[in-house]
Amino acid sequence: MTIVAPDGQPHVVTLEAGADGESHRISSDTTASVRLIGSGLQTTFKGPSGRSDVQTCTVSADHQKMTCKGVLTDGAGHTASYVDVYDRM
């Protein structure tokens, strides 16, 4: 997926993993797992010190928009919910 930031800079994000819920190392200190949840895809990223990001993404019926709802955890008991909406270009 290519994300275009508000400043116009593109950022490419890729993750190759089976949707089997198994953790895969994506960097020296971070793992990711992916699994199907109904019609969505849930991705869990786990980093150092208990930090995590759990998001569930769904695609609109016309395949023009993807919405990801997630929760960031800092490992110290603090959480932040977020919603990202991506438009197909």
N, C-alpha and C. Protein backbone atom coordinates (compact mmCIF):
# COMPACT_ATOMS: atom_id res chain seq x y z
N MET A 1 0.85 -1.14 0.00
CA MET A 1 0.00 0.00 0.00
C MET A 1 0.90 1.22 0.00
N THR A 2 0.52 2.24 -0.74
CA THR A 2 1.23 3.51 -0.73
C THR A 2 0.38 4.53 0.00
N ILE A 3 0.95 5.13 1.04
CA ILE A 3 0.26 6.16 1.80
C ILE A 3 0.88 7.49 1.41
N VAL A 4 0.03 8.45 1.05
CA VAL A 4 0.52 9.78 0.71
C VAL A 4 0.21 10.69 1.90
N ALA A 5 1.26 11.20 2.52
CA ALA A 5 1.12 12.05 3.70
C ALA A 5 0.61 13.43 3.29
N PRO A 6 0.11 14.21 4.25
CA PRO A 6 -0.40 15.55 3.93
C PRO A 6 0.61 16.44 3.20
N ASP A 7 1.90 16.20 3.41
CA ASP A 7 2.92 17.00 2.72
C ASP A 7 3.20 16.50 1.30
N GLY A 8 2.43 15.47 0.87
CA GLY A 8 2.58 14.94 -0.48
C GLY A 8 3.61 13.84 -0.62
N GLN A 9 4.32 13.52 0.44
CA GLN A 9 5.35 12.48 0.38
C GLN A 9 4.70 11.09 0.43
N PRO A 10 5.03 10.23 -0.53
CA PRO A 10 4.49 8.87 -0.50
C PRO A 10 5.32 7.97 0.43
N HIS A 11 4.65 7.07 1.11
CA HIS A 11 5.30 6.08 1.97
C HIS A 11 4.72 4.72 1.60
N VAL A 12 5.58 3.79 1.23
CA VAL A 12 5.13 2.46 0.85
C VAL A 12 5.22 1.55 2.06
N VAL A 13 4.12 0.86 2.35
CA VAL A 13 4.06 -0.08 3.47
C VAL A 13 3.72 -1.44 2.90
N THR A 14 4.55 -2.44 3.18
CA THR A 14 4.28 -3.80 2.72
C THR A 14 4.40 -4.77 3.87
N LEU A 15 3.62 -5.82 3.80
CA LEU A 15 3.69 -6.90 4.78
C LEU A 15 3.26 -8.16 4.06
N GLU A 16 4.16 -9.13 4.00
CA GLU A 16 3.84 -10.41 3.39
C GLU A 16 3.76 -11.45 4.48
N ALA A 17 2.56 -11.94 4.71
CA ALA A 17 2.35 -12.96 5.74
C ALA A 17 1.02 -13.64 5.47
N GLY A 18 0.95 -14.90 5.83
CA GLY A 18 -0.30 -15.61 5.73
C GLY A 18 -1.26 -15.09 6.79
N ALA A 19 -2.54 -15.16 6.51
CA ALA A 19 -3.55 -14.68 7.47
C ALA A 19 -3.89 -15.77 8.47
N ASP A 20 -2.84 -16.33 9.08
CA ASP A 20 -3.01 -17.46 9.99
C ASP A 20 -2.81 -17.10 11.45
N GLY A 21 -2.57 -15.82 11.75
CA GLY A 21 -2.37 -15.39 13.13
C GLY A 21 -0.98 -15.62 13.68
N GLU A 22 -0.09 -16.22 12.88
CA GLU A 22 1.28 -16.48 13.34
C GLU A 22 2.09 -15.19 13.31
N SER A 23 2.94 -15.00 14.31
CA SER A 23 3.80 -13.81 14.37
C SER A 23 5.00 -13.98 13.44
N HIS A 24 5.32 -12.89 12.74
CA HIS A 24 6.47 -12.85 11.83
C HIS A 24 7.32 -11.63 12.18
N ARG A 25 8.62 -11.82 12.26
CA ARG A 25 9.52 -10.70 12.55
C ARG A 25 9.59 -9.79 11.33
N ILE A 26 9.34 -8.48 11.54
CA ILE A 26 9.42 -7.52 10.43
C ILE A 26 10.56 -6.53 10.62
N SER A 27 11.16 -6.51 11.81
CA SER A 27 12.36 -5.72 12.06
C SER A 27 13.06 -6.36 13.25
N SER A 28 14.16 -5.78 13.69
CA SER A 28 14.93 -6.38 14.77
C SER A 28 14.16 -6.45 16.08
N ASP A 29 13.15 -5.59 16.27
CA ASP A 29 12.43 -5.58 17.54
C ASP A 29 10.91 -5.59 17.41
N THR A 30 10.40 -5.89 16.21
CA THR A 30 8.95 -5.84 16.00
C THR A 30 8.47 -7.08 15.26
N THR A 31 7.32 -7.61 15.71
CA THR A 31 6.68 -8.72 15.02
C THR A 31 5.30 -8.27 14.54
N ALA A 32 4.78 -8.98 13.54
CA ALA A 32 3.45 -8.70 13.02
C ALA A 32 2.74 -10.02 12.79
N SER A 33 1.44 -10.02 13.03
CA SER A 33 0.61 -11.18 12.71
C SER A 33 -0.64 -10.67 12.02
N VAL A 34 -1.20 -11.53 11.16
CA VAL A 34 -2.38 -11.17 10.37
C VAL A 34 -3.37 -12.31 10.46
N ARG A 35 -4.66 -11.97 10.59
CA ARG A 35 -5.69 -13.00 10.53
C ARG A 35 -6.98 -12.41 10.00
N LEU A 36 -7.79 -13.27 9.39
CA LEU A 36 -9.08 -12.85 8.87
C LEU A 36 -10.08 -12.79 10.01
N ILE A 37 -10.84 -11.70 10.06
CA ILE A 37 -11.90 -11.52 11.05
C ILE A 37 -13.15 -11.15 10.26
N GLY A 38 -14.04 -12.12 10.05
CA GLY A 38 -15.22 -11.85 9.23
C GLY A 38 -14.79 -11.42 7.85
N SER A 39 -15.23 -10.23 7.43
CA SER A 39 -14.85 -9.71 6.12
C SER A 39 -13.66 -8.75 6.21
N GLY A 40 -13.03 -8.70 7.37
CA GLY A 40 -11.89 -7.80 7.56
C GLY A 40 -10.60 -8.54 7.80
N LEU A 41 -9.55 -7.78 7.91
CA LEU A 41 -8.21 -8.30 8.15
C LEU A 41 -7.68 -7.63 9.41
N GLN A 42 -7.32 -8.43 10.41
CA GLN A 42 -6.77 -7.88 11.65
C GLN A 42 -5.27 -8.07 11.64
N THR A 43 -4.55 -6.98 11.87
CA THR A 43 -3.09 -7.00 11.93
C THR A 43 -2.65 -6.55 13.31
N THR A 44 -1.73 -7.31 13.91
CA THR A 44 -1.20 -6.97 15.22
C THR A 44 0.30 -6.78 15.11
N PHE A 45 0.76 -5.62 15.50
CA PHE A 45 2.19 -5.32 15.55
C PHE A 45 2.59 -5.27 17.02
N LYS A 46 3.66 -5.96 17.38
CA LYS A 46 4.17 -5.94 18.75
C LYS A 46 5.62 -5.51 18.73
N GLY A 47 5.91 -4.50 19.55
CA GLY A 47 7.26 -3.95 19.61
C GLY A 47 7.86 -4.10 20.98
N PRO A 48 8.96 -3.41 21.20
CA PRO A 48 9.67 -3.51 22.48
C PRO A 48 8.85 -2.91 23.62
N SER A 49 9.13 -3.36 24.82
CA SER A 49 8.54 -2.83 26.05
C SER A 49 7.02 -2.92 26.09
N GLY A 50 6.45 -3.90 25.39
CA GLY A 50 5.01 -4.10 25.45
C GLY A 50 4.19 -3.20 24.55
N ARG A 51 4.83 -2.42 23.70
CA ARG A 51 4.07 -1.57 22.78
C ARG A 51 3.40 -2.43 21.72
N SER A 52 2.18 -2.03 21.32
CA SER A 52 1.48 -2.78 20.28
C SER A 52 0.53 -1.87 19.51
N ASP A 53 0.14 -2.36 18.35
CA ASP A 53 -0.84 -1.70 17.49
C ASP A 53 -1.69 -2.81 16.91
N VAL A 54 -2.97 -2.82 17.26
CA VAL A 54 -3.91 -3.82 16.75
C VAL A 54 -4.93 -3.07 15.90
N GLN A 55 -5.02 -3.45 14.62
CA GLN A 55 -5.96 -2.78 13.74
C GLN A 55 -6.75 -3.79 12.92
N THR A 56 -8.00 -3.43 12.63
CA THR A 56 -8.84 -4.23 11.76
C THR A 56 -9.24 -3.37 10.58
N CYS A 57 -8.96 -3.88 9.38
CA CYS A 57 -9.23 -3.12 8.15
C CYS A 57 -10.32 -3.81 7.34
N THR A 58 -11.22 -3.00 6.78
CA THR A 58 -12.25 -3.49 5.89
C THR A 58 -12.25 -2.63 4.63
N VAL A 59 -12.68 -3.23 3.53
CA VAL A 59 -12.73 -2.53 2.24
C VAL A 59 -14.18 -2.29 1.89
N SER A 60 -14.48 -1.10 1.35
CA SER A 60 -15.84 -0.76 0.97
C SER A 60 -16.33 -1.67 -0.16
N ALA A 61 -17.65 -1.75 -0.32
CA ALA A 61 -18.25 -2.63 -1.32
C ALA A 61 -17.77 -2.31 -2.73
N ASP A 62 -17.49 -1.03 -3.01
CA ASP A 62 -17.02 -0.65 -4.35
C ASP A 62 -15.49 -0.70 -4.48
N HIS A 63 -14.81 -1.18 -3.44
CA HIS A 63 -13.36 -1.35 -3.41
C HIS A 63 -12.58 -0.05 -3.59
N GLN A 64 -13.20 1.08 -3.29
CA GLN A 64 -12.54 2.37 -3.46
C GLN A 64 -12.00 2.95 -2.16
N LYS A 65 -12.36 2.34 -1.03
CA LYS A 65 -11.96 2.89 0.26
C LYS A 65 -11.66 1.76 1.23
N MET A 66 -10.59 1.91 2.00
CA MET A 66 -10.27 0.96 3.06
C MET A 66 -10.26 1.73 4.38
N THR A 67 -10.97 1.19 5.37
CA THR A 67 -11.03 1.81 6.68
C THR A 67 -10.38 0.89 7.69
N CYS A 68 -9.43 1.43 8.45
CA CYS A 68 -8.73 0.67 9.49
C CYS A 68 -9.01 1.31 10.84
N LYS A 69 -9.51 0.50 11.75
CA LYS A 69 -9.75 0.96 13.12
C LYS A 69 -8.78 0.23 14.02
N GLY A 70 -8.11 0.97 14.90
CA GLY A 70 -7.10 0.32 15.72
C GLY A 70 -6.95 0.93 17.09
N VAL A 71 -6.10 0.26 17.86
CA VAL A 71 -5.76 0.71 19.21
C VAL A 71 -4.25 0.59 19.37
N LEU A 72 -3.62 1.70 19.73
CA LEU A 72 -2.20 1.72 20.06
C LEU A 72 -2.05 1.58 21.57
N THR A 73 -1.10 0.77 22.01
CA THR A 73 -0.80 0.59 23.43
C THR A 73 0.67 0.88 23.63
N ASP A 74 0.98 1.67 24.67
CA ASP A 74 2.38 2.07 24.88
C ASP A 74 3.16 1.15 25.80
N GLY A 75 2.53 0.11 26.32
CA GLY A 75 3.22 -0.82 27.21
C GLY A 75 3.16 -0.41 28.66
N ALA A 76 2.67 0.80 28.94
CA ALA A 76 2.56 1.29 30.32
C ALA A 76 1.10 1.45 30.73
N GLY A 77 0.20 0.82 29.96
CA GLY A 77 -1.22 0.89 30.30
C GLY A 77 -1.99 2.00 29.61
N HIS A 78 -1.34 2.79 28.77
CA HIS A 78 -2.01 3.86 28.04
C HIS A 78 -2.40 3.37 26.65
N THR A 79 -3.61 3.71 26.24
CA THR A 79 -4.06 3.32 24.91
C THR A 79 -4.62 4.53 24.17
N ALA A 80 -4.62 4.44 22.86
CA ALA A 80 -5.21 5.47 22.00
C ALA A 80 -5.88 4.77 20.83
N SER A 81 -7.15 5.06 20.63
CA SER A 81 -7.89 4.50 19.50
C SER A 81 -7.75 5.43 18.30
N TYR A 82 -7.79 4.86 17.11
CA TYR A 82 -7.68 5.67 15.90
C TYR A 82 -8.47 5.04 14.77
N VAL A 83 -8.75 5.84 13.76
CA VAL A 83 -9.38 5.37 12.52
C VAL A 83 -8.60 5.99 11.37
N ASP A 84 -8.14 5.14 10.45
CA ASP A 84 -7.47 5.60 9.22
C ASP A 84 -8.37 5.23 8.05
N VAL A 85 -8.55 6.16 7.12
CA VAL A 85 -9.34 5.90 5.92
C VAL A 85 -8.44 6.14 4.72
N TYR A 86 -8.36 5.14 3.85
CA TYR A 86 -7.51 5.21 2.66
C TYR A 86 -8.40 5.18 1.42
N ASP A 87 -8.17 6.11 0.50
CA ASP A 87 -8.88 6.14 -0.77
C ASP A 87 -8.00 5.55 -1.84
N ARG A 88 -8.61 4.76 -2.72
CA ARG A 88 -7.87 4.20 -3.85
C ARG A 88 -7.53 5.33 -4.81
N MET A 89 -6.32 5.31 -5.30
CA MET A 89 -5.88 6.37 -6.22
C MET A 89 -5.92 5.88 -7.64
